[in-house]
Amino acid sequence: MKKILIAEDNDSNYMLMTYILKNRFELSRACNGQEAVELAATGNPDLVLMDIQMPVMDGLEATRQIKARHPQLPVIALTANAFEADRMKALEAGCSEFLTKPVNADLCVRTIQKLIL
């Protein structure tokens, strides 16, 4: 089963993502950007779902650090910031895709499958 690291500090957002993904993927959680960087290095995920606004280290910096160490690891930005400028910042940081909250479950699953299946 493919492993997904969900970097999300908000419990209700994390619970929604687990509801959407739990029967399809093995899931782990990082509650801030620094944890995401550490778990990407030690947990061998196949993909990272990255919230952008998180404590300790934001998702953009976490993505930069993850991609510097693991350039082939897909990172999907998952954020409430839906402006084109936000999308461009995420892609420039190294995100493979950009999804907005509230997340569309079908689009989320299709995007993940496109990247890792």
Protein backbone atom coordinates (compact mmCIF):
# COMPACT_ATOMS: atom_id res chain seq x y z
CA MET A 1 0.00 0.00 0.00
CA LYS A 2 1.34 3.46 -0.91
CA LYS A 3 2.22 5.77 1.99
CA ILE A 4 1.03 9.37 2.24
CA LEU A 5 2.36 11.89 4.73
CA ILE A 6 -0.31 14.46 5.60
CA ALA A 7 1.21 17.69 6.90
CA GLU A 8 -1.74 19.39 8.57
CA ASP A 9 -1.93 21.23 11.89
CA ASN A 10 -5.74 21.45 12.04
CA ASP A 11 -7.34 18.35 13.56
CA SER A 12 -10.64 18.62 11.66
CA ASN A 13 -8.85 19.03 8.31
CA TYR A 14 -6.66 16.02 9.11
CA MET A 15 -9.70 13.94 10.07
CA LEU A 16 -11.39 14.84 6.78
CA MET A 17 -8.31 13.75 4.83
CA THR A 18 -8.12 10.46 6.73
CA TYR A 19 -11.79 9.85 5.97
CA ILE A 20 -11.14 10.41 2.26
CA LEU A 21 -7.90 8.42 2.04
CA LYS A 22 -7.81 5.80 4.84
CA ASN A 23 -8.99 2.80 2.82
CA ARG A 24 -6.70 3.52 -0.13
CA PHE A 25 -3.37 4.51 1.44
CA GLU A 26 -1.25 4.12 4.56
CA LEU A 27 -1.34 7.51 6.31
CA SER A 28 0.95 9.38 8.68
CA ARG A 29 0.71 12.91 10.05
CA ALA A 30 3.00 15.85 10.64
CA CYS A 31 1.53 18.70 12.70
CA ASN A 32 3.96 21.36 11.45
CA GLY A 33 6.43 21.95 8.66
CA GLN A 34 9.48 20.85 10.64
CA GLU A 35 7.83 17.52 11.47
CA ALA A 36 6.96 17.12 7.78
CA VAL A 37 10.61 17.53 6.79
CA GLU A 38 11.68 15.00 9.43
CA LEU A 39 8.98 12.44 8.58
CA ALA A 40 9.63 12.78 4.85
CA ALA A 41 13.24 11.78 5.59
CA THR A 42 12.49 8.91 7.97
CA GLY A 43 9.06 7.59 7.00
CA ASN A 44 9.67 6.98 3.29
CA PRO A 45 6.32 8.33 2.09
CA ASP A 46 5.32 7.99 -1.56
CA LEU A 47 3.65 11.42 -1.51
CA VAL A 48 3.19 14.42 0.82
CA LEU A 49 -0.03 16.41 1.19
CA MET A 50 1.26 19.77 2.44
CA ASP A 51 -0.78 22.42 4.21
CA ILE A 52 0.81 25.81 3.53
CA GLN A 53 -0.01 27.70 6.74
CA MET A 54 1.45 25.74 9.65
CA PRO A 55 3.32 26.54 12.84
CA VAL A 56 7.10 26.20 13.36
CA MET A 57 7.82 26.09 9.59
CA ASP A 58 5.33 26.92 6.85
CA GLY A 59 4.51 24.48 4.10
CA LEU A 60 6.44 26.33 1.42
CA GLU A 61 9.72 26.18 3.34
CA ALA A 62 9.03 22.57 4.32
CA THR A 63 8.45 21.73 0.65
CA ARG A 64 11.72 23.41 -0.35
CA GLN A 65 13.63 21.39 2.24
CA ILE A 66 11.90 18.12 1.33
CA LYS A 67 12.49 18.60 -2.39
CA ALA A 68 16.17 19.48 -1.78
CA ARG A 69 16.65 16.06 -0.15
CA HIS A 70 14.08 14.05 -2.11
CA PRO A 71 13.62 15.68 -5.54
CA GLN A 72 11.43 12.84 -6.88
CA LEU A 73 8.99 12.87 -3.94
CA PRO A 74 5.66 14.38 -5.07
CA VAL A 75 4.29 17.14 -2.83
CA ILE A 76 0.72 18.39 -3.23
CA ALA A 77 -0.08 21.79 -1.75
CA LEU A 78 -3.38 21.72 0.11
CA THR A 79 -4.43 25.19 1.18
CA ALA A 80 -7.28 27.60 1.74
CA ASN A 81 -5.26 30.22 -0.16
CA ALA A 82 -6.86 29.88 -3.58
CA PHE A 83 -5.36 32.83 -5.47
CA GLU A 84 -3.21 32.33 -8.55
CA ALA A 85 -0.27 33.97 -6.74
CA ASP A 86 -0.57 31.32 -4.01
CA ARG A 87 -0.57 28.55 -6.62
CA MET A 88 2.53 30.02 -8.27
CA LYS A 89 4.37 30.27 -4.92
CA ALA A 90 3.57 26.63 -4.17
CA LEU A 91 4.75 25.45 -7.58
CA GLU A 92 7.92 27.55 -7.30
CA ALA A 93 8.62 25.95 -3.89
CA GLY A 94 8.50 22.54 -5.57
CA CYS A 95 4.92 21.36 -5.23
CA SER A 96 3.79 19.02 -7.99
CA GLU A 97 0.13 20.01 -7.72
CA PHE A 98 -2.05 22.57 -5.94
CA LEU A 99 -5.43 21.75 -4.33
CA THR A 100 -7.65 24.14 -2.42
CA LYS A 101 -9.69 23.72 0.74
CA PRO A 102 -12.38 22.74 1.21
CA VAL A 103 -10.97 19.75 -0.62
CA ASN A 104 -12.90 18.01 -3.37
CA ALA A 105 -12.51 14.32 -2.42
CA ASP A 106 -12.69 12.93 -5.96
CA LEU A 107 -10.24 15.49 -7.33
CA CYS A 108 -7.86 14.84 -4.43
CA VAL A 109 -7.85 11.08 -4.98
CA ARG A 110 -7.45 11.46 -8.75
CA THR A 111 -4.54 13.88 -8.27
CA ILE A 112 -2.78 11.52 -5.87
CA GLN A 113 -3.33 8.54 -8.16
CA LYS A 114 -1.95 10.47 -11.11
CA LEU A 115 1.28 11.11 -9.21
CA ILE A 116 1.94 7.78 -7.50
CA LEU A 117 -0.01 4.95 -9.14
